[in-house]
Amino acid sequence: MDFLLINNRNIKISLSKNELDENNLSANGLCWNDEKTRCLMRKILSVACEKCGFEWQSEKLSVSVFPSVDGGCELFVTKQKRKHEKTEKECSIGTVCFCDGAENLFCACERLKEKGFSGKTSLYLSEKGEFVLICENTRKLPSYMKNLKNEKEKSDLSFMKDHGRTYDATSSDLAYIGEHMTLLAKNDALSKMLGTF
């Protein structure tokens, strides 16, 4: 059982096949309505609290399960935002685009440059051979500048869906990509890509 504390609201927990077998569970058979699964989760979170300081007892949690190749699984546990809290960490921190082929990736980079995108861009290669381009959100402008036309154009990345599968990414998603995919360029992928051609 391995723990990676991402931040005070997110933790990644890795379970081996043996650990699941000992509890008569499988990665695909985890069911949160099942008392056996909930009991195992309480035990795991108690250890996470002890080892990493991840407080969870009074929190509403969401859990994402990713089966591992070896029969184990990885759990991404997130404390849900309470109504009175503002937690930027749980919000989307960027856009991820899965590009099938170098041509789609290059076109996406050109469009980002045309739009004046100034955030961080990182590039990974997935296990399926897709290019994974991460565009992290730019710093928020003060309220008196929010109506600037240029800012709207810079932050609107909806055009990326023309070049691949896109979705909004949280810190948990970026942690998963960083651990399971091959890093090609960190933080300045856009300039490296456009400088290559």
N, C-alpha and C. Protein backbone atom coordinates (compact mmCIF):
# COMPACT_ATOMS: atom_id res chain seq x y z
N MET A 1 0.85 -1.17 0.00
CA MET A 1 0.00 0.00 0.00
C MET A 1 0.90 1.24 0.00
N ASP A 2 0.78 2.06 -1.05
CA ASP A 2 1.60 3.26 -1.15
C ASP A 2 0.70 4.49 -1.19
N PHE A 3 1.21 5.58 -0.61
CA PHE A 3 0.44 6.83 -0.55
C PHE A 3 1.25 7.96 -1.16
N LEU A 4 0.56 8.81 -1.92
CA LEU A 4 1.17 10.02 -2.44
C LEU A 4 0.21 11.17 -2.13
N LEU A 5 0.61 12.02 -1.18
CA LEU A 5 -0.22 13.16 -0.81
C LEU A 5 0.00 14.25 -1.84
N ILE A 6 -1.04 14.54 -2.64
CA ILE A 6 -0.94 15.54 -3.70
C ILE A 6 -1.06 16.94 -3.11
N ASN A 7 -2.06 17.14 -2.28
CA ASN A 7 -2.23 18.38 -1.52
C ASN A 7 -3.15 18.05 -0.34
N ASN A 8 -3.60 19.06 0.41
CA ASN A 8 -4.38 18.75 1.61
C ASN A 8 -5.78 18.23 1.30
N ARG A 9 -6.19 18.25 0.02
CA ARG A 9 -7.52 17.77 -0.35
C ARG A 9 -7.48 16.53 -1.26
N ASN A 10 -6.30 16.14 -1.72
CA ASN A 10 -6.18 15.03 -2.67
C ASN A 10 -5.05 14.09 -2.28
N ILE A 11 -5.34 12.78 -2.39
CA ILE A 11 -4.30 11.79 -2.13
C ILE A 11 -4.45 10.65 -3.14
N LYS A 12 -3.30 10.10 -3.55
CA LYS A 12 -3.31 8.93 -4.43
C LYS A 12 -2.89 7.72 -3.61
N ILE A 13 -3.66 6.64 -3.71
CA ILE A 13 -3.37 5.42 -2.95
C ILE A 13 -3.21 4.27 -3.93
N SER A 14 -2.09 3.57 -3.85
CA SER A 14 -1.84 2.42 -4.72
C SER A 14 -2.01 1.13 -3.93
N LEU A 15 -2.83 0.22 -4.47
CA LEU A 15 -3.05 -1.08 -3.84
C LEU A 15 -2.57 -2.18 -4.79
N SER A 16 -1.87 -3.16 -4.25
CA SER A 16 -1.40 -4.28 -5.07
C SER A 16 -2.52 -5.31 -5.23
N LYS A 17 -2.31 -6.22 -6.16
CA LYS A 17 -3.29 -7.30 -6.38
C LYS A 17 -3.43 -8.13 -5.10
N ASN A 18 -2.29 -8.39 -4.43
CA ASN A 18 -2.33 -9.18 -3.19
C ASN A 18 -3.20 -8.52 -2.13
N GLU A 19 -3.08 -7.21 -2.00
CA GLU A 19 -3.87 -6.49 -1.00
C GLU A 19 -5.37 -6.56 -1.31
N LEU A 20 -5.71 -6.51 -2.60
CA LEU A 20 -7.12 -6.66 -2.98
C LEU A 20 -7.58 -8.10 -2.74
N ASP A 21 -6.72 -9.06 -3.12
CA ASP A 21 -7.07 -10.48 -2.94
C ASP A 21 -7.31 -10.82 -1.46
N GLU A 22 -6.49 -10.24 -0.58
CA GLU A 22 -6.64 -10.50 0.86
C GLU A 22 -8.02 -10.07 1.38
N ASN A 23 -8.63 -9.11 0.69
CA ASN A 23 -9.95 -8.61 1.09
C ASN A 23 -11.06 -9.13 0.18
N ASN A 24 -10.72 -10.14 -0.66
CA ASN A 24 -11.69 -10.72 -1.61
C ASN A 24 -12.33 -9.67 -2.51
N LEU A 25 -11.48 -8.75 -3.02
CA LEU A 25 -11.96 -7.68 -3.91
C LEU A 25 -11.09 -7.64 -5.15
N SER A 26 -11.60 -7.01 -6.18
CA SER A 26 -10.82 -6.78 -7.39
C SER A 26 -10.98 -5.32 -7.78
N ALA A 27 -10.06 -4.80 -8.61
CA ALA A 27 -10.11 -3.40 -9.01
C ALA A 27 -11.43 -3.08 -9.70
N ASN A 28 -11.91 -4.01 -10.50
CA ASN A 28 -13.17 -3.79 -11.23
C ASN A 28 -14.39 -4.09 -10.36
N GLY A 29 -14.16 -4.74 -9.21
CA GLY A 29 -15.28 -5.13 -8.38
C GLY A 29 -15.53 -4.24 -7.18
N LEU A 30 -14.80 -3.10 -7.12
CA LEU A 30 -15.02 -2.18 -6.01
C LEU A 30 -16.39 -1.52 -6.16
N CYS A 31 -17.22 -1.65 -5.17
CA CYS A 31 -18.58 -1.11 -5.20
C CYS A 31 -18.82 -0.35 -3.90
N TRP A 32 -19.07 0.95 -4.01
CA TRP A 32 -19.16 1.79 -2.81
C TRP A 32 -20.45 1.55 -2.03
N ASN A 33 -21.40 0.82 -2.60
CA ASN A 33 -22.60 0.45 -1.84
C ASN A 33 -22.37 -0.82 -1.03
N ASP A 34 -21.24 -1.47 -1.28
CA ASP A 34 -20.92 -2.73 -0.61
C ASP A 34 -20.17 -2.44 0.69
N GLU A 35 -20.62 -3.03 1.79
CA GLU A 35 -20.02 -2.79 3.10
C GLU A 35 -18.56 -3.24 3.15
N LYS A 36 -18.22 -4.32 2.41
CA LYS A 36 -16.85 -4.83 2.39
C LYS A 36 -15.90 -3.78 1.79
N THR A 37 -16.33 -3.14 0.70
CA THR A 37 -15.52 -2.10 0.07
C THR A 37 -15.37 -0.89 0.99
N ARG A 38 -16.47 -0.48 1.61
CA ARG A 38 -16.43 0.68 2.49
C ARG A 38 -15.55 0.42 3.72
N CYS A 39 -15.59 -0.79 4.23
CA CYS A 39 -14.77 -1.17 5.38
C CYS A 39 -13.28 -1.10 5.02
N LEU A 40 -12.94 -1.64 3.84
CA LEU A 40 -11.55 -1.59 3.37
C LEU A 40 -11.12 -0.13 3.20
N MET A 41 -12.00 0.69 2.64
CA MET A 41 -11.66 2.10 2.40
C MET A 41 -11.42 2.83 3.72
N ARG A 42 -12.22 2.53 4.73
CA ARG A 42 -12.01 3.17 6.04
C ARG A 42 -10.65 2.79 6.62
N LYS A 43 -10.28 1.50 6.48
CA LYS A 43 -8.97 1.05 6.97
C LYS A 43 -7.84 1.78 6.25
N ILE A 44 -7.96 1.86 4.91
CA ILE A 44 -6.92 2.49 4.09
C ILE A 44 -6.78 3.97 4.46
N LEU A 45 -7.92 4.66 4.61
CA LEU A 45 -7.87 6.09 4.92
C LEU A 45 -7.34 6.35 6.33
N SER A 46 -7.57 5.41 7.23
CA SER A 46 -7.01 5.55 8.57
C SER A 46 -5.48 5.48 8.52
N VAL A 47 -4.96 4.58 7.70
CA VAL A 47 -3.51 4.47 7.52
C VAL A 47 -2.98 5.73 6.83
N ALA A 48 -3.73 6.25 5.83
CA ALA A 48 -3.32 7.47 5.13
C ALA A 48 -3.25 8.65 6.09
N CYS A 49 -4.18 8.70 7.02
CA CYS A 49 -4.20 9.77 8.02
C CYS A 49 -2.98 9.66 8.93
N GLU A 50 -2.68 8.42 9.32
CA GLU A 50 -1.56 8.16 10.22
C GLU A 50 -0.22 8.46 9.56
N LYS A 51 -0.06 8.02 8.29
CA LYS A 51 1.22 8.15 7.60
C LYS A 51 1.44 9.52 6.97
N CYS A 52 0.36 10.11 6.39
CA CYS A 52 0.52 11.34 5.61
C CYS A 52 -0.20 12.54 6.21
N GLY A 53 -1.00 12.32 7.25
CA GLY A 53 -1.76 13.43 7.82
C GLY A 53 -2.98 13.80 7.00
N PHE A 54 -3.49 12.88 6.19
CA PHE A 54 -4.66 13.15 5.36
C PHE A 54 -5.92 12.97 6.20
N GLU A 55 -6.46 14.10 6.70
CA GLU A 55 -7.66 14.08 7.55
C GLU A 55 -8.90 13.87 6.68
N TRP A 56 -9.71 12.89 7.01
CA TRP A 56 -10.85 12.58 6.15
C TRP A 56 -12.15 12.33 6.91
N GLN A 57 -12.09 12.14 8.23
CA GLN A 57 -13.25 11.68 8.99
C GLN A 57 -14.50 12.54 8.83
N SER A 58 -14.35 13.85 8.82
CA SER A 58 -15.54 14.72 8.75
C SER A 58 -15.77 15.27 7.34
N GLU A 59 -15.18 14.63 6.35
CA GLU A 59 -15.25 15.13 4.98
C GLU A 59 -16.13 14.26 4.10
N LYS A 60 -16.73 14.88 3.09
CA LYS A 60 -17.41 14.14 2.04
C LYS A 60 -16.35 13.87 0.97
N LEU A 61 -16.23 12.61 0.56
CA LEU A 61 -15.14 12.21 -0.34
C LEU A 61 -15.66 11.73 -1.69
N SER A 62 -14.84 11.94 -2.72
CA SER A 62 -15.10 11.27 -4.00
C SER A 62 -13.84 10.44 -4.31
N VAL A 63 -14.05 9.27 -4.90
CA VAL A 63 -12.95 8.34 -5.17
C VAL A 63 -12.99 7.92 -6.63
N SER A 64 -11.86 8.09 -7.31
CA SER A 64 -11.71 7.60 -8.69
C SER A 64 -10.80 6.38 -8.65
N VAL A 65 -11.19 5.31 -9.35
CA VAL A 65 -10.42 4.06 -9.34
C VAL A 65 -9.83 3.83 -10.73
N PHE A 66 -8.53 3.56 -10.77
CA PHE A 66 -7.85 3.24 -12.02
C PHE A 66 -7.18 1.87 -11.86
N PRO A 67 -7.68 0.83 -12.55
CA PRO A 67 -7.06 -0.50 -12.45
C PRO A 67 -5.62 -0.47 -12.98
N SER A 68 -4.74 -1.22 -12.33
CA SER A 68 -3.34 -1.33 -12.76
C SER A 68 -3.17 -2.58 -13.62
N VAL A 69 -2.10 -2.59 -14.40
CA VAL A 69 -1.83 -3.73 -15.29
C VAL A 69 -1.59 -5.00 -14.48
N ASP A 70 -1.00 -4.87 -13.27
CA ASP A 70 -0.66 -6.04 -12.45
C ASP A 70 -1.84 -6.59 -11.65
N GLY A 71 -3.04 -6.02 -11.85
CA GLY A 71 -4.21 -6.51 -11.13
C GLY A 71 -4.57 -5.70 -9.90
N GLY A 72 -3.69 -4.79 -9.53
CA GLY A 72 -3.98 -3.90 -8.42
C GLY A 72 -4.78 -2.69 -8.92
N CYS A 73 -4.74 -1.59 -8.16
CA CYS A 73 -5.44 -0.40 -8.60
C CYS A 73 -4.87 0.83 -7.92
N GLU A 74 -5.23 1.98 -8.47
CA GLU A 74 -4.87 3.26 -7.87
C GLU A 74 -6.15 4.01 -7.57
N LEU A 75 -6.22 4.56 -6.39
CA LEU A 75 -7.39 5.32 -5.95
C LEU A 75 -6.98 6.78 -5.79
N PHE A 76 -7.73 7.67 -6.43
CA PHE A 76 -7.53 9.10 -6.22
C PHE A 76 -8.69 9.58 -5.36
N VAL A 77 -8.37 10.00 -4.14
CA VAL A 77 -9.39 10.42 -3.18
C VAL A 77 -9.36 11.94 -3.06
N THR A 78 -10.53 12.55 -3.21
CA THR A 78 -10.65 14.00 -3.15
C THR A 78 -11.68 14.40 -2.11
N LYS A 79 -11.31 15.33 -1.24
CA LYS A 79 -12.28 15.89 -0.29
C LYS A 79 -13.15 16.86 -1.07
N GLN A 80 -14.46 16.69 -0.98
CA GLN A 80 -15.39 17.56 -1.70
C GLN A 80 -15.45 18.94 -1.06
N LYS A 81 -15.61 19.93 -1.90
CA LYS A 81 -15.69 21.31 -1.43
C LYS A 81 -16.98 21.54 -0.66
N ARG A 82 -16.87 22.17 0.48
CA ARG A 82 -18.07 22.54 1.23
C ARG A 82 -18.59 23.85 0.66
N LYS A 83 -19.87 24.11 0.87
CA LYS A 83 -20.51 25.29 0.27
C LYS A 83 -19.82 26.59 0.64
N HIS A 84 -19.32 26.69 1.86
CA HIS A 84 -18.73 27.95 2.30
C HIS A 84 -17.25 28.06 1.97
N GLU A 85 -16.65 27.00 1.39
CA GLU A 85 -15.22 27.02 1.10
C GLU A 85 -14.95 27.39 -0.35
N LYS A 86 -13.80 28.02 -0.57
CA LYS A 86 -13.34 28.28 -1.92
C LYS A 86 -12.01 27.56 -2.05
N THR A 87 -11.97 26.51 -2.84
CA THR A 87 -10.72 25.77 -2.99
C THR A 87 -10.36 25.72 -4.46
N GLU A 88 -9.34 26.47 -4.84
CA GLU A 88 -8.90 26.51 -6.23
C GLU A 88 -8.37 25.16 -6.66
N LYS A 89 -7.82 24.37 -5.72
CA LYS A 89 -7.20 23.10 -6.07
C LYS A 89 -8.21 22.13 -6.68
N GLU A 90 -9.46 22.20 -6.30
CA GLU A 90 -10.46 21.28 -6.82
C GLU A 90 -11.01 21.71 -8.17
N CYS A 91 -10.77 22.96 -8.52
CA CYS A 91 -11.28 23.47 -9.79
C CYS A 91 -10.40 22.96 -10.92
N SER A 92 -10.88 23.14 -12.13
CA SER A 92 -10.08 22.81 -13.29
C SER A 92 -8.85 23.70 -13.29
N ILE A 93 -7.69 23.07 -13.47
CA ILE A 93 -6.46 23.87 -13.51
C ILE A 93 -5.88 23.89 -14.91
N GLY A 94 -6.61 23.33 -15.87
CA GLY A 94 -6.12 23.36 -17.23
C GLY A 94 -6.96 22.52 -18.17
N THR A 95 -6.51 22.48 -19.41
CA THR A 95 -7.17 21.68 -20.45
C THR A 95 -6.17 20.64 -20.93
N VAL A 96 -6.64 19.41 -21.07
CA VAL A 96 -5.81 18.32 -21.59
C VAL A 96 -6.36 17.92 -22.95
N CYS A 97 -5.48 17.79 -23.92
CA CYS A 97 -5.88 17.39 -25.26
C CYS A 97 -5.09 16.15 -25.67
N PHE A 98 -5.80 15.05 -26.00
CA PHE A 98 -5.20 13.82 -26.49
C PHE A 98 -5.19 13.89 -28.01
N CYS A 99 -4.01 14.11 -28.60
CA CYS A 99 -3.88 14.25 -30.06
C CYS A 99 -3.40 12.94 -30.67
N ASP A 100 -4.13 12.48 -31.67
CA ASP A 100 -3.76 11.26 -32.39
C ASP A 100 -2.88 11.65 -33.56
N GLY A 101 -1.58 11.59 -33.38
CA GLY A 101 -0.65 11.90 -34.46
C GLY A 101 -0.03 13.29 -34.32
N ALA A 102 1.19 13.42 -34.91
CA ALA A 102 1.96 14.66 -34.82
C ALA A 102 1.28 15.82 -35.53
N GLU A 103 0.55 15.54 -36.61
CA GLU A 103 -0.09 16.62 -37.37
C GLU A 103 -1.14 17.34 -36.51
N ASN A 104 -1.98 16.56 -35.82
CA ASN A 104 -2.98 17.17 -34.94
C ASN A 104 -2.31 17.96 -33.82
N LEU A 105 -1.23 17.42 -33.27
CA LEU A 105 -0.51 18.10 -32.20
C LEU A 105 0.06 19.42 -32.70
N PHE A 106 0.69 19.41 -33.87
CA PHE A 106 1.29 20.62 -34.42
C PHE A 106 0.23 21.68 -34.71
N CYS A 107 -0.91 21.24 -35.28
CA CYS A 107 -2.01 22.18 -35.57
C CYS A 107 -2.54 22.82 -34.28
N ALA A 108 -2.68 22.01 -33.23
CA ALA A 108 -3.15 22.52 -31.94
C ALA A 108 -2.17 23.57 -31.40
N CYS A 109 -0.88 23.31 -31.52
CA CYS A 109 0.14 24.25 -31.05
C CYS A 109 0.09 25.55 -31.84
N GLU A 110 -0.08 25.44 -33.16
CA GLU A 110 -0.18 26.65 -33.98
C GLU A 110 -1.38 27.51 -33.59
N ARG A 111 -2.52 26.84 -33.34
CA ARG A 111 -3.72 27.58 -32.94
C ARG A 111 -3.53 28.25 -31.58
N LEU A 112 -2.85 27.55 -30.66
CA LEU A 112 -2.57 28.15 -29.34
C LEU A 112 -1.74 29.41 -29.50
N LYS A 113 -0.74 29.35 -30.38
CA LYS A 113 0.12 30.52 -30.61
C LYS A 113 -0.69 31.66 -31.22
N GLU A 114 -1.54 31.33 -32.21
CA GLU A 114 -2.39 32.35 -32.85
C GLU A 114 -3.29 33.05 -31.83
N LYS A 115 -3.81 32.28 -30.88
CA LYS A 115 -4.72 32.83 -29.87
C LYS A 115 -3.99 33.58 -28.76
N GLY A 116 -2.67 33.51 -28.79
CA GLY A 116 -1.89 34.22 -27.78
C GLY A 116 -1.86 33.54 -26.43
N PHE A 117 -1.99 32.21 -26.41
CA PHE A 117 -1.99 31.49 -25.15
C PHE A 117 -0.65 31.67 -24.45
N SER A 118 -0.68 32.07 -23.18
CA SER A 118 0.57 32.36 -22.47
C SER A 118 0.78 31.48 -21.22
N GLY A 119 -0.09 30.49 -21.02
CA GLY A 119 0.06 29.61 -19.86
C GLY A 119 1.14 28.56 -20.10
N LYS A 120 1.37 27.73 -19.09
CA LYS A 120 2.34 26.64 -19.22
C LYS A 120 1.77 25.54 -20.10
N THR A 121 2.61 24.93 -20.91
CA THR A 121 2.19 23.80 -21.74
C THR A 121 3.20 22.66 -21.54
N SER A 122 2.67 21.46 -21.29
CA SER A 122 3.52 20.29 -21.13
C SER A 122 3.05 19.21 -22.09
N LEU A 123 3.97 18.38 -22.52
CA LEU A 123 3.65 17.35 -23.51
C LEU A 123 4.10 15.98 -23.01
N TYR A 124 3.18 15.01 -23.12
CA TYR A 124 3.44 13.63 -22.72
C TYR A 124 3.08 12.69 -23.86
N LEU A 125 3.58 11.47 -23.78
CA LEU A 125 3.21 10.42 -24.71
C LEU A 125 2.50 9.34 -23.92
N SER A 126 1.25 9.01 -24.33
CA SER A 126 0.48 8.02 -23.58
C SER A 126 0.92 6.61 -23.96
N GLU A 127 0.45 5.63 -23.19
CA GLU A 127 0.77 4.23 -23.46
C GLU A 127 0.20 3.77 -24.80
N LYS A 128 -0.86 4.47 -25.27
CA LYS A 128 -1.47 4.12 -26.56
C LYS A 128 -0.84 4.86 -27.73
N GLY A 129 0.20 5.65 -27.46
CA GLY A 129 0.89 6.37 -28.53
C GLY A 129 0.29 7.72 -28.88
N GLU A 130 -0.65 8.21 -28.05
CA GLU A 130 -1.23 9.53 -28.30
C GLU A 130 -0.36 10.60 -27.66
N PHE A 131 -0.30 11.76 -28.29
CA PHE A 131 0.36 12.91 -27.68
C PHE A 131 -0.64 13.55 -26.73
N VAL A 132 -0.19 13.85 -25.53
CA VAL A 132 -1.07 14.44 -24.50
C VAL A 132 -0.53 15.84 -24.19
N LEU A 133 -1.26 16.85 -24.65
CA LEU A 133 -0.85 18.24 -24.47
C LEU A 133 -1.65 18.85 -23.32
N ILE A 134 -0.95 19.34 -22.30
CA ILE A 134 -1.60 19.96 -21.15
C ILE A 134 -1.38 21.46 -21.23
N CYS A 135 -2.47 22.21 -21.21
CA CYS A 135 -2.42 23.67 -21.22
C CYS A 135 -2.94 24.16 -19.88
N GLU A 136 -2.03 24.64 -19.03
CA GLU A 136 -2.43 25.09 -17.69
C GLU A 136 -2.99 26.51 -17.75
N ASN A 137 -4.01 26.75 -16.94
CA ASN A 137 -4.66 28.06 -16.93
C ASN A 137 -3.67 29.17 -16.63
N THR A 138 -3.91 30.32 -17.26
CA THR A 138 -3.08 31.49 -16.99
C THR A 138 -3.55 32.13 -15.68
N ARG A 139 -2.72 32.99 -15.13
CA ARG A 139 -3.04 33.69 -13.89
C ARG A 139 -4.29 34.53 -14.08
N LYS A 140 -5.18 34.55 -13.09
CA LYS A 140 -6.41 35.32 -13.19
C LYS A 140 -6.12 36.82 -13.14
N LEU A 141 -6.85 37.56 -13.95
CA LEU A 141 -6.71 39.02 -13.96
C LEU A 141 -7.54 39.64 -12.84
N PRO A 142 -7.18 40.85 -12.41
CA PRO A 142 -8.01 41.56 -11.44
C PRO A 142 -9.40 41.81 -12.03
N SER A 143 -10.41 41.98 -11.16
CA SER A 143 -11.80 42.11 -11.62
C SER A 143 -12.00 43.26 -12.59
N TYR A 144 -11.25 44.37 -12.42
CA TYR A 144 -11.45 45.50 -13.32
C TYR A 144 -10.91 45.25 -14.73
N MET A 145 -10.16 44.16 -14.92
CA MET A 145 -9.61 43.84 -16.25
C MET A 145 -10.32 42.66 -16.90
N LYS A 146 -11.28 42.04 -16.22
CA LYS A 146 -11.89 40.79 -16.71
C LYS A 146 -12.64 40.95 -18.03
N ASN A 147 -13.06 42.15 -18.37
CA ASN A 147 -13.84 42.32 -19.60
C ASN A 147 -12.99 42.57 -20.83
N LEU A 148 -11.68 42.51 -20.67
CA LEU A 148 -10.82 42.72 -21.83
C LEU A 148 -11.05 41.64 -22.88
N LYS A 149 -11.21 42.05 -24.12
CA LYS A 149 -11.50 41.10 -25.20
C LYS A 149 -10.39 40.07 -25.35
N ASN A 150 -9.13 40.53 -25.27
CA ASN A 150 -8.00 39.64 -25.47
C ASN A 150 -7.96 38.51 -24.45
N GLU A 151 -8.33 38.81 -23.21
CA GLU A 151 -8.28 37.79 -22.16
C GLU A 151 -9.25 36.67 -22.46
N LYS A 152 -10.45 37.00 -22.97
CA LYS A 152 -11.43 35.99 -23.30
C LYS A 152 -10.90 35.07 -24.39
N GLU A 153 -10.23 35.66 -25.38
CA GLU A 153 -9.69 34.86 -26.48
C GLU A 153 -8.57 33.94 -25.98
N LYS A 154 -7.76 34.44 -25.03
CA LYS A 154 -6.64 33.64 -24.53
C LYS A 154 -7.12 32.45 -23.71
N SER A 155 -8.15 32.64 -22.92
CA SER A 155 -8.57 31.58 -22.01
C SER A 155 -9.55 30.59 -22.64
N ASP A 156 -10.11 30.91 -23.79
CA ASP A 156 -11.07 30.02 -24.45
C ASP A 156 -10.32 29.01 -25.30
N LEU A 157 -10.23 27.78 -24.81
CA LEU A 157 -9.50 26.74 -25.54
C LEU A 157 -10.44 25.71 -26.16
N SER A 158 -11.68 26.12 -26.40
CA SER A 158 -12.66 25.17 -26.96
C SER A 158 -12.26 24.68 -28.34
N PHE A 159 -11.46 25.45 -29.06
CA PHE A 159 -11.00 25.05 -30.40
C PHE A 159 -10.12 23.80 -30.36
N MET A 160 -9.57 23.46 -29.18
CA MET A 160 -8.68 22.31 -29.08
C MET A 160 -9.38 21.01 -29.44
N LYS A 161 -10.72 20.97 -29.29
CA LYS A 161 -11.45 19.73 -29.61
C LYS A 161 -11.39 19.41 -31.10
N ASP A 162 -10.99 20.39 -31.93
CA ASP A 162 -10.82 20.13 -33.37
C ASP A 162 -9.59 19.28 -33.64
N HIS A 163 -8.71 19.16 -32.64
CA HIS A 163 -7.44 18.47 -32.85
C HIS A 163 -7.27 17.23 -31.99
N GLY A 164 -8.28 16.91 -31.16
CA GLY A 164 -8.19 15.72 -30.32
C GLY A 164 -9.26 15.70 -29.25
N ARG A 165 -9.20 14.68 -28.39
CA ARG A 165 -10.14 14.59 -27.27
C ARG A 165 -9.68 15.53 -26.17
N THR A 166 -10.58 16.38 -25.68
CA THR A 166 -10.20 17.33 -24.65
C THR A 166 -11.07 17.18 -23.41
N TYR A 167 -10.52 17.57 -22.27
CA TYR A 167 -11.31 17.67 -21.04
C TYR A 167 -10.61 18.60 -20.07
N ASP A 168 -11.38 19.12 -19.11
CA ASP A 168 -10.82 19.95 -18.06
C ASP A 168 -10.10 19.05 -17.07
N ALA A 169 -8.93 19.48 -16.64
CA ALA A 169 -8.12 18.64 -15.76
C ALA A 169 -7.98 19.25 -14.37
N THR A 170 -8.02 18.38 -13.36
CA THR A 170 -7.77 18.78 -11.98
C THR A 170 -6.34 18.38 -11.61
N SER A 171 -5.91 18.73 -10.43
CA SER A 171 -4.56 18.35 -9.99
C SER A 171 -4.40 16.83 -9.94
N SER A 172 -5.48 16.11 -9.63
CA SER A 172 -5.41 14.63 -9.59
C SER A 172 -5.14 14.07 -10.98
N ASP A 173 -5.81 14.64 -12.00
CA ASP A 173 -5.59 14.18 -13.38
C ASP A 173 -4.14 14.41 -13.80
N LEU A 174 -3.60 15.58 -13.46
CA LEU A 174 -2.22 15.89 -13.85
C LEU A 174 -1.23 14.98 -13.13
N ALA A 175 -1.53 14.63 -11.88
CA ALA A 175 -0.67 13.71 -11.14
C ALA A 175 -0.68 12.34 -11.81
N TYR A 176 -1.86 11.88 -12.24
CA TYR A 176 -1.96 10.57 -12.90
C TYR A 176 -1.18 10.57 -14.21
N ILE A 177 -1.35 11.62 -15.01
CA ILE A 177 -0.64 11.72 -16.29
C ILE A 177 0.87 11.74 -16.04
N GLY A 178 1.30 12.53 -15.06
CA GLY A 178 2.72 12.64 -14.77
C GLY A 178 3.36 11.33 -14.36
N GLU A 179 2.59 10.48 -13.71
CA GLU A 179 3.15 9.22 -13.23
C GLU A 179 3.07 8.10 -14.26
N HIS A 180 2.06 8.12 -15.15
CA HIS A 180 1.83 6.99 -16.03
C HIS A 180 2.20 7.23 -17.49
N MET A 181 2.57 8.44 -17.83
CA MET A 181 2.89 8.73 -19.23
C MET A 181 4.31 9.26 -19.34
N THR A 182 4.85 9.21 -20.55
CA THR A 182 6.24 9.61 -20.77
C THR A 182 6.32 11.11 -21.04
N LEU A 183 7.10 11.81 -20.23
CA LEU A 183 7.25 13.25 -20.38
C LEU A 183 8.14 13.56 -21.58
N LEU A 184 7.64 14.44 -22.47
CA LEU A 184 8.42 14.88 -23.63
C LEU A 184 8.89 16.32 -23.46
N ALA A 185 8.06 17.18 -22.87
CA ALA A 185 8.45 18.58 -22.63
C ALA A 185 7.64 19.12 -21.45
N LYS A 186 8.30 19.79 -20.53
CA LYS A 186 7.65 20.30 -19.32
C LYS A 186 7.58 21.83 -19.35
N ASN A 187 6.39 22.37 -19.18
CA ASN A 187 6.11 23.81 -19.02
C ASN A 187 6.26 24.67 -20.28
N ASP A 188 7.10 24.28 -21.24
CA ASP A 188 7.29 25.11 -22.43
C ASP A 188 7.16 24.29 -23.72
N ALA A 189 6.24 23.32 -23.70
CA ALA A 189 6.07 22.44 -24.86
C ALA A 189 5.70 23.22 -26.13
N LEU A 190 4.91 24.28 -25.98
CA LEU A 190 4.46 25.05 -27.14
C LEU A 190 5.65 25.64 -27.89
N SER A 191 6.55 26.31 -27.17
CA SER A 191 7.71 26.91 -27.85
C SER A 191 8.63 25.85 -28.41
N LYS A 192 8.77 24.72 -27.72
CA LYS A 192 9.64 23.65 -28.24
C LYS A 192 9.06 23.03 -29.49
N MET A 193 7.73 22.81 -29.51
CA MET A 193 7.08 22.23 -30.69
C MET A 193 7.19 23.15 -31.88
N LEU A 194 6.89 24.40 -31.71
CA LEU A 194 6.91 25.34 -32.84
C LEU A 194 8.33 25.67 -33.28
N GLY A 195 9.27 25.50 -32.37
CA GLY A 195 10.67 25.72 -32.74
C GLY A 195 11.26 24.55 -33.51
N THR A 196 10.57 23.38 -33.41
CA THR A 196 11.04 22.16 -34.08
C THR A 196 10.76 22.18 -35.57
N PHE A 197 9.64 22.81 -35.96
CA PHE A 197 9.21 22.76 -37.36
C PHE A 197 9.58 24.03 -38.09
